[in-house]
């Protein structure tokens, strides 16, 4: 990350379904606490992992590509009265100083809505939202202000 010639750097971590603190959560914690790294935000992926507390989100992108002010379930459906987005790698987010958290459903469980053949529109919109809200993306120029 520190040796990258350009900013921002996009990093993905995953626990592969473990409900315990796994490698993905440890990596996210390390990155977020590193004094030389500024984390703009996190895309939190929902799952139905038992025993997971979840994380608060600033917004979510539904499988229909709508931005909502609530979490989504693993299928990308909004949970209107839900408080936490539940997922296996997201529990650690609450203990970190992450400025923007955007929730999405499980990429493989949203009826192909975020398929790579469609250019992953939900994940892409979630990342764009982080860049917009962080002030990094100037829509007119497509780069940092």
Foldseek 3Di string as FASTA:
>chain_A
DVPDPDDDDDDDFDQPQDQDAHPRLVVVVCQLPDPVHDALAEEAEADPRPPFPAAAACWEQALVRDTGRAAAHQQRHGDVPDGGRGDRNGSSVVVGDGPHYYYGHNCVRNVNSQPVVVVRSRVVVSVVVSCVVSQQQDPVVGGHD
